[in-house]
C-alpha atoms as a PDB file:
ATOM      1  CA  MET A   1     125.130  69.507 144.685  1.00  0.00           C
ATOM      2  CA  LYS A   2     126.037  67.221 141.170  1.00  0.00           C
ATOM      3  CA  PHE A   3     125.711  63.030 141.634  1.00  0.00           C
ATOM      4  CA  GLY A   4     127.336  60.674 139.084  1.00  0.00           C
ATOM      5  CA  MET A   5     129.959  61.500 136.291  1.00  0.00           C
ATOM      6  CA  ARG A   6     131.712  64.216 135.954  1.00  0.00           C
ATOM      7  CA  LYS A   7     132.693  65.145 132.421  1.00  0.00           C
ATOM      8  CA  PRO A   8     136.059  65.375 131.933  1.00  0.00           C
ATOM      9  CA  SER A   9     137.503  68.139 130.716  1.00  0.00           C
ATOM     10  CA  ILE A  10     141.080  67.690 128.243  1.00  0.00           C
ATOM     11  CA  LYS A  11     141.974  71.709 128.584  1.00  0.00           C
ATOM     12  CA  LYS A  12     141.603  71.872 132.461  1.00  0.00           C
ATOM     13  CA  SER A  13     143.126  68.070 133.163  1.00  0.00           C
ATOM     14  CA  ILE A  14     146.596  69.611 130.794  1.00  0.00           C
ATOM     15  CA  SER A  15     146.833  72.282 132.748  1.00  0.00           C
ATOM     16  CA  ALA A  16     146.523  70.912 136.214  1.00  0.00           C
ATOM     17  CA  ARG A  17     149.669  68.989 135.023  1.00  0.00           C
ATOM     18  CA  THR A  18     152.014  71.476 133.610  1.00  0.00           C
ATOM     19  CA  LYS A  19     151.297  75.461 135.018  1.00  0.00           C
ATOM     20  CA  GLY A  20     148.967  73.939 138.059  1.00  0.00           C
ATOM     21  CA  LYS A  21     151.799  71.496 139.352  1.00  0.00           C
ATOM     22  CA  ALA A  22     154.494  74.365 139.013  1.00  0.00           C
ATOM     23  CA  LYS A  23     151.937  76.520 141.151  1.00  0.00           C
ATOM     24  CA  ARG A  24     151.388  74.586 144.176  1.00  0.00           C
ATOM     25  CA  SER A  25     154.818  73.605 143.932  1.00  0.00           C
ATOM     26  CA  LEU A  26     156.133  77.458 144.332  1.00  0.00           C
ATOM     27  CA  LYS A  27     152.515  77.629 146.976  1.00  0.00           C
ATOM     28  CA  LYS A  28     154.259  75.009 149.087  1.00  0.00           C
ATOM     29  CA  ALA A  29     157.706  76.930 149.431  1.00  0.00           C
ATOM     30  CA  ILE A  30     156.407  79.797 150.204  1.00  0.00           C
ATOM     31  CA  LEU A  31     153.088  79.361 152.411  1.00  0.00           C
ATOM     32  CA  PRO A  32     153.583  76.980 155.552  1.00  0.00           C
ATOM     33  CA  GLY A  33     150.232  75.471 156.393  1.00  0.00           C
ATOM     34  CA  TYR A  34     149.494  75.215 152.371  1.00  0.00           C
ATOM     35  CA  GLY A  35     148.198  71.564 151.196  1.00  0.00           C
ATOM     36  CA  LYS A  36     148.388  70.352 154.860  1.00  0.00           C
ATOM     37  CA  LYS A  37     145.578  68.264 155.541  1.00  0.00           C
ATOM     38  CA  GLY A  38     142.430  70.036 157.433  1.00  0.00           C
ATOM     39  CA  ILE A  39     143.709  73.113 156.819  1.00  0.00           C
ATOM     40  CA  GLU A  40     140.463  73.965 154.573  1.00  0.00           C
ATOM     41  CA  TRP A  41     138.458  73.229 157.328  1.00  0.00           C
ATOM     42  CA  ILE A  42     139.794  75.911 159.804  1.00  0.00           C
ATOM     43  CA  LYS A  43     139.857  78.307 156.817  1.00  0.00           C
ATOM     44  CA  ASN A  44     136.734  77.663 155.344  1.00  0.00           C
ATOM     45  CA  PRO A  45     134.623  74.831 156.827  1.00  0.00           C
ATOM     46  CA  LYS A  46     131.678  75.742 154.120  1.00  0.00           C
ATOM     47  CA  LYS A  47     133.580  74.921 150.961  1.00  0.00           C
ATOM     48  CA  ALA A  48     135.497  71.775 152.884  1.00  0.00           C
ATOM     49  CA  ALA A  49     131.954  70.283 153.903  1.00  0.00           C
ATOM     50  CA  TYR A  50     130.693  70.933 150.218  1.00  0.00           C
ATOM     51  CA  ASN A  51     134.158  69.696 148.564  1.00  0.00           C
ATOM     52  CA  LYS A  52     133.799  66.650 150.808  1.00  0.00           C
ATOM     53  CA  ILE A  53     130.348  65.966 149.896  1.00  0.00           C
ATOM     54  CA  TYR A  54     131.098  66.177 146.358  1.00  0.00           C
ATOM     55  CA  LYS A  55     133.915  63.936 146.177  1.00  0.00           C
ATOM     56  CA  LYS A  56     132.224  60.959 147.672  1.00  0.00           C
ATOM     57  CA  THR A  57     128.931  61.724 145.256  1.00  0.00           C
ATOM     58  CA  THR A  58     130.893  62.401 142.039  1.00  0.00           C
ATOM     59  CA  PHE A  59     133.514  60.018 139.832  1.00  0.00           C
ATOM     60  CA  SER A  60     135.489  60.932 136.730  1.00  0.00           C
ATOM     61  CA  ILE A  61     135.513  58.407 133.661  1.00  0.00           C
ATOM     62  CA  TRP A  62     139.029  57.925 134.513  1.00  0.00           C
ATOM     63  CA  GLU A  63     137.746  56.038 137.249  1.00  0.00           C
ATOM     64  CA  LEU A  64     136.027  53.535 135.601  1.00  0.00           C
ATOM     65  CA  PHE A  65     138.726  52.634 133.186  1.00  0.00           C
ATOM     66  CA  LYS A  66     140.900  51.614 136.815  1.00  0.00           C
END
């Protein structure tokens, strides 16, 4: 498990804002449960627990400038 600051990746950031945004909107239109709160706990509780801890123990460099 990582603690502290995450390394920023310009490539992944641009991908998430362009291609990723389009993919998410398409999936939301097709799949009824996609993007809803709490679905991950039902589908994969181990991954959901890991992600919750990771989110609380790490921070992005961009959060320092807020």
